[in-house]
Amino acid sequence: MDLDAFYAAVEEREHPECKGKPVVVGADPKGGKGRGVVSTCNYEARQFGIRSGMPISKAWRLNKNAVFLPVNLELYEKVSSNIMRVLRSYGDKFEQVSIDEAFLDLSKTARDFEEARKLAEAIKADILEKEKLTCSIGMGPNKLVAKIASDHQKPNGLTVVIEKDVESFLAPLPVHKLQGIGVKTNAKLNEMGVRTMGELASYDVARLREEFGVSGISFHQMAQGVDRSELVEERLPKSFSREHTFEEDTSDKRLILTKIDDLLERVVRDCKENGFNFKTLTLKIRYQDFETHTRSRTIPRLAAMPDQLKQVAYELAEPFLGSHKKIRLIGIRVSTLIVQDKQKTLI
């Protein structure tokens, strides 16, 4: 199950006057001088070439008349939680993989694919009724096929691929639809004359291994629809992070340290509210020329006080503060997470 243009769809629900208009959720474009990126956009905005991850300034140039809205993560998380609760009630096993995407195992709930299709239709209707949002559902004999199928008829799609049809369904699709095949790998495969999954599935596996190592074997199997991975019913986070892009590149030490204070406070709060403590603190710095550096430190005691954590963060930042380059972005990440109820002392 994949929610359609999730952030933008929630905003359209909250602001009906935006319905039918290009909607872009992300940073403030500031008349084409904004410095953040597009978090997501609706399908009307995509018709103008606007895409997630695109600089907000470029999105503004592509369509100055689009509706630009800030990210309201608290609202999206609440809506997501409601929808995931609906999904859990339908399947035997459930795996949430992101704020807007999840897998369900219906093998014990439905007797066959036709019955499973009816369940999928019920899920779509339930989500629409309760949250006024559409989703796209893909169904297949494994996670890989189901994932690809969910993207096949967006938005508001339902694609069912039974086992005997897997090969014919995958064969004409471009290889970049497979997880793990990015821009560079896709370009290399194209150079080798491999553009579709059918061509990849029939390609000499020894040649693929020679070119891509063990991943080449994996690509070959995936193109044939082979996937033996199980649903992971509870996926624990590996880290919590926050970032800030300055409106103007800066070398102002006071401004940078103030922002470090703010980001650190928010990240520690995120970590605690989700029931975790942490052992590793990482600082990320991006200069005006986009050169990026990270430095990490293991916290000696889990019970480190706020002032101690700030001191660690300041020490991590110190090497960057005297640079002749101005800083564009700063980020804080905490990792090596430990569930709080497994320890006596909390941050």
Foldseek 3Di string as FASTA:
>chain_A
DFFAQQQQQLVCVVPVVLPPFKEFEAFDCVQLLFAIWTCTIHPNLVVLVHGGPHGSSVSCVSPVPGHYHYGPPVVLQVLLVVLQVLVVVQAPFKADDDSGDIDGDCVVVDVDVVRVLVSVVVSQVVSCVPPVTGAFWAEEPDDLRRVLRSPVDPDNYYYYAYPVRSLVVQFAAFLVSGPPCDDVNSVVCVVVVGTGLNCLLPDDLVVQCVVPNPVSNVSNCVSRVDDDDDHDRDDDDFKFKDKDFDSDFALPPVVVLVVVLVRVVVRLVVQVVVQKFFFKKKKWWAFPVRDIDMDMDGHPDSQDDSVRVSVVVCVRCVVVSPDPTTTGMMMMMTGPIDGNVVDDHHD
